[in-house]
Amino acid sequence: MARKHLRHGPVDDVPDDDAPPAAPVVCWLCGRPTGKTIVWHHPVPKSRGGRDVVPMHPICQQTLTATFTNSELQRAGMDVEALLIHPAVRKFVDWVAKKDPDFTATITKKQR
């Protein structure tokens, strides 16, 4: 029996190689282009009512969660400049600016 519909869609859906590449996604914290792994981070934690998400490097997200509590992240909200005022975060962003987008490293535990 012949099938009426193709299983994987029409052949016309093949993407063009002439199309320009998509713009790279930029990390919310450090401003560098993201690599292969993108973490969608809630600047205001979900436990505090946050709904918006922003793209980040995994190492940048680990640094935020190791540096700030949920209450501090809630107070800063979507204002990345308020987070960059913190000396540890500023030092990290300046250090990671020279690294490859897919760079990963071990982050220290929360200092409490």
C-alpha atoms as a PDB file:
ATOM      1  CA  MET A   1       0.000   0.000   0.000  1.00  0.00           C
ATOM      2  CA  ALA A   2       1.281   3.465  -0.828  1.00  0.00           C
ATOM      3  CA  ARG A   3       1.334   6.135   1.842  1.00  0.00           C
ATOM      4  CA  LYS A   4      -0.479   9.378   1.253  1.00  0.00           C
ATOM      5  CA  HIS A   5       1.937  11.481   3.345  1.00  0.00           C
ATOM      6  CA  LEU A   6       5.676  11.483   3.642  1.00  0.00           C
ATOM      7  CA  ARG A   7       6.880  10.480   7.045  1.00  0.00           C
ATOM      8  CA  HIS A   8       9.397  13.313   7.485  1.00  0.00           C
ATOM      9  CA  GLY A   9       7.715  16.128   5.618  1.00  0.00           C
ATOM     10  CA  PRO A  10       8.195  17.437   2.104  1.00  0.00           C
ATOM     11  CA  VAL A  11      11.643  17.525   0.539  1.00  0.00           C
ATOM     12  CA  ASP A  12      11.338  21.304  -0.003  1.00  0.00           C
ATOM     13  CA  ASP A  13      12.104  21.899   3.701  1.00  0.00           C
ATOM     14  CA  VAL A  14      15.858  21.422   3.193  1.00  0.00           C
ATOM     15  CA  PRO A  15      17.689  24.492   4.619  1.00  0.00           C
ATOM     16  CA  ASP A  16      19.671  26.755   2.308  1.00  0.00           C
ATOM     17  CA  ASP A  17      23.427  26.817   2.703  1.00  0.00           C
ATOM     18  CA  ASP A  18      23.376  30.401   1.400  1.00  0.00           C
ATOM     19  CA  ALA A  19      21.460  31.687   4.431  1.00  0.00           C
ATOM     20  CA  PRO A  20      23.559  33.847   6.784  1.00  0.00           C
ATOM     21  CA  PRO A  21      24.469  32.202  10.108  1.00  0.00           C
ATOM     22  CA  ALA A  22      22.394  33.156  13.115  1.00  0.00           C
ATOM     23  CA  ALA A  23      23.814  35.793  15.429  1.00  0.00           C
ATOM     24  CA  PRO A  24      25.611  34.283  18.451  1.00  0.00           C
ATOM     25  CA  VAL A  25      23.784  34.370  21.746  1.00  0.00           C
ATOM     26  CA  VAL A  26      25.500  36.654  24.269  1.00  0.00           C
ATOM     27  CA  CYS A  27      25.937  35.777  27.949  1.00  0.00           C
ATOM     28  CA  TRP A  28      23.860  37.985  30.253  1.00  0.00           C
ATOM     29  CA  LEU A  29      26.591  38.319  32.891  1.00  0.00           C
ATOM     30  CA  CYS A  30      29.919  38.565  31.067  1.00  0.00           C
ATOM     31  CA  GLY A  31      28.773  39.735  27.619  1.00  0.00           C
ATOM     32  CA  ARG A  32      30.833  37.107  25.738  1.00  0.00           C
ATOM     33  CA  PRO A  33      29.266  34.957  23.006  1.00  0.00           C
ATOM     34  CA  THR A  34      28.063  31.634  24.366  1.00  0.00           C
ATOM     35  CA  GLY A  35      29.576  28.367  23.207  1.00  0.00           C
ATOM     36  CA  LYS A  36      27.986  24.981  22.629  1.00  0.00           C
ATOM     37  CA  THR A  37      26.378  24.872  26.072  1.00  0.00           C
ATOM     38  CA  ILE A  38      23.883  27.572  27.007  1.00  0.00           C
ATOM     39  CA  VAL A  39      22.272  27.696  30.443  1.00  0.00           C
ATOM     40  CA  TRP A  40      18.929  29.491  30.653  1.00  0.00           C
ATOM     41  CA  HIS A  41      19.185  31.168  34.057  1.00  0.00           C
ATOM     42  CA  HIS A  42      16.429  32.798  36.128  1.00  0.00           C
ATOM     43  CA  PRO A  43      17.914  36.123  37.363  1.00  0.00           C
ATOM     44  CA  VAL A  44      15.153  36.229  39.954  1.00  0.00           C
ATOM     45  CA  PRO A  45      14.992  32.668  41.334  1.00  0.00           C
ATOM     46  CA  LYS A  46      11.852  30.679  40.574  1.00  0.00           C
ATOM     47  CA  SER A  47      11.367  30.170  44.306  1.00  0.00           C
ATOM     48  CA  ARG A  48      11.075  33.976  44.588  1.00  0.00           C
ATOM     49  CA  GLY A  49       8.581  34.357  41.735  1.00  0.00           C
ATOM     50  CA  GLY A  50      11.021  34.783  38.861  1.00  0.00           C
ATOM     51  CA  ARG A  51       9.756  33.921  35.403  1.00  0.00           C
ATOM     52  CA  ASP A  52      12.218  35.570  33.015  1.00  0.00           C
ATOM     53  CA  VAL A  53      15.226  33.628  31.764  1.00  0.00           C
ATOM     54  CA  VAL A  54      18.501  34.861  30.297  1.00  0.00           C
ATOM     55  CA  PRO A  55      21.262  32.982  28.422  1.00  0.00           C
ATOM     56  CA  MET A  56      24.478  32.378  30.336  1.00  0.00           C
ATOM     57  CA  HIS A  57      27.639  30.298  30.294  1.00  0.00           C
ATOM     58  CA  PRO A  58      27.539  27.452  32.822  1.00  0.00           C
ATOM     59  CA  ILE A  59      30.595  28.890  34.605  1.00  0.00           C
ATOM     60  CA  CYS A  60      28.921  32.313  34.898  1.00  0.00           C
ATOM     61  CA  GLN A  61      25.781  30.807  36.401  1.00  0.00           C
ATOM     62  CA  GLN A  62      27.841  28.753  38.857  1.00  0.00           C
ATOM     63  CA  THR A  63      29.639  31.904  39.953  1.00  0.00           C
ATOM     64  CA  LEU A  64      26.360  33.743  40.588  1.00  0.00           C
ATOM     65  CA  THR A  65      24.850  30.918  42.598  1.00  0.00           C
ATOM     66  CA  ALA A  66      28.077  30.516  44.614  1.00  0.00           C
ATOM     67  CA  THR A  67      28.317  34.249  45.352  1.00  0.00           C
ATOM     68  CA  PHE A  68      24.727  35.323  46.047  1.00  0.00           C
ATOM     69  CA  THR A  69      21.791  33.971  48.015  1.00  0.00           C
ATOM     70  CA  ASN A  70      18.312  33.776  46.486  1.00  0.00           C
ATOM     71  CA  SER A  71      17.292  36.855  48.465  1.00  0.00           C
ATOM     72  CA  GLU A  72      20.211  38.861  47.080  1.00  0.00           C
ATOM     73  CA  LEU A  73      19.425  37.732  43.539  1.00  0.00           C
ATOM     74  CA  GLN A  74      15.788  38.723  44.046  1.00  0.00           C
ATOM     75  CA  ARG A  75      16.814  42.212  45.193  1.00  0.00           C
ATOM     76  CA  ALA A  76      19.073  42.693  42.156  1.00  0.00           C
ATOM     77  CA  GLY A  77      16.369  41.428  39.796  1.00  0.00           C
ATOM     78  CA  MET A  78      17.170  41.823  36.100  1.00  0.00           C
ATOM     79  CA  ASP A  79      19.813  44.503  36.786  1.00  0.00           C
ATOM     80  CA  VAL A  80      23.121  42.907  35.812  1.00  0.00           C
ATOM     81  CA  GLU A  81      25.002  46.080  36.769  1.00  0.00           C
ATOM     82  CA  ALA A  82      23.914  45.622  40.389  1.00  0.00           C
ATOM     83  CA  LEU A  83      25.539  42.177  40.371  1.00  0.00           C
ATOM     84  CA  LEU A  84      28.711  43.423  38.688  1.00  0.00           C
ATOM     85  CA  ILE A  85      29.302  45.900  41.538  1.00  0.00           C
ATOM     86  CA  HIS A  86      30.182  42.966  43.823  1.00  0.00           C
ATOM     87  CA  PRO A  87      34.013  42.672  43.903  1.00  0.00           C
ATOM     88  CA  ALA A  88      34.095  38.879  43.501  1.00  0.00           C
ATOM     89  CA  VAL A  89      31.809  38.956  40.462  1.00  0.00           C
ATOM     90  CA  ARG A  90      33.727  41.863  38.886  1.00  0.00           C
ATOM     91  CA  LYS A  91      37.010  39.997  39.405  1.00  0.00           C
ATOM     92  CA  PHE A  92      35.518  36.851  37.846  1.00  0.00           C
ATOM     93  CA  VAL A  93      34.113  38.696  34.792  1.00  0.00           C
ATOM     94  CA  ASP A  94      37.446  40.425  34.184  1.00  0.00           C
ATOM     95  CA  TRP A  95      39.242  37.073  34.456  1.00  0.00           C
ATOM     96  CA  VAL A  96      36.863  35.078  32.243  1.00  0.00           C
ATOM     97  CA  ALA A  97      36.769  37.759  29.522  1.00  0.00           C
ATOM     98  CA  LYS A  98      39.961  36.337  28.004  1.00  0.00           C
ATOM     99  CA  LYS A  99      38.754  32.722  28.007  1.00  0.00           C
ATOM    100  CA  ASP A 100      37.197  30.592  25.268  1.00  0.00           C
ATOM    101  CA  PRO A 101      33.345  30.545  25.214  1.00  0.00           C
ATOM    102  CA  ASP A 102      33.335  26.816  26.082  1.00  0.00           C
ATOM    103  CA  PHE A 103      35.809  27.248  28.965  1.00  0.00           C
ATOM    104  CA  THR A 104      34.857  25.505  32.204  1.00  0.00           C
ATOM    105  CA  ALA A 105      36.521  25.440  35.609  1.00  0.00           C
ATOM    106  CA  THR A 106      35.728  24.442  39.162  1.00  0.00           C
ATOM    107  CA  ILE A 107      33.952  27.144  41.149  1.00  0.00           C
ATOM    108  CA  THR A 108      34.493  27.489  44.895  1.00  0.00           C
ATOM    109  CA  LYS A 109      31.684  26.747  47.311  1.00  0.00           C
ATOM    110  CA  LYS A 110      29.492  29.449  48.849  1.00  0.00           C
ATOM    111  CA  GLN A 111      31.274  31.451  51.491  1.00  0.00           C
ATOM    112  CA  ARG A 112      28.764  31.596  54.358  1.00  0.00           C
END
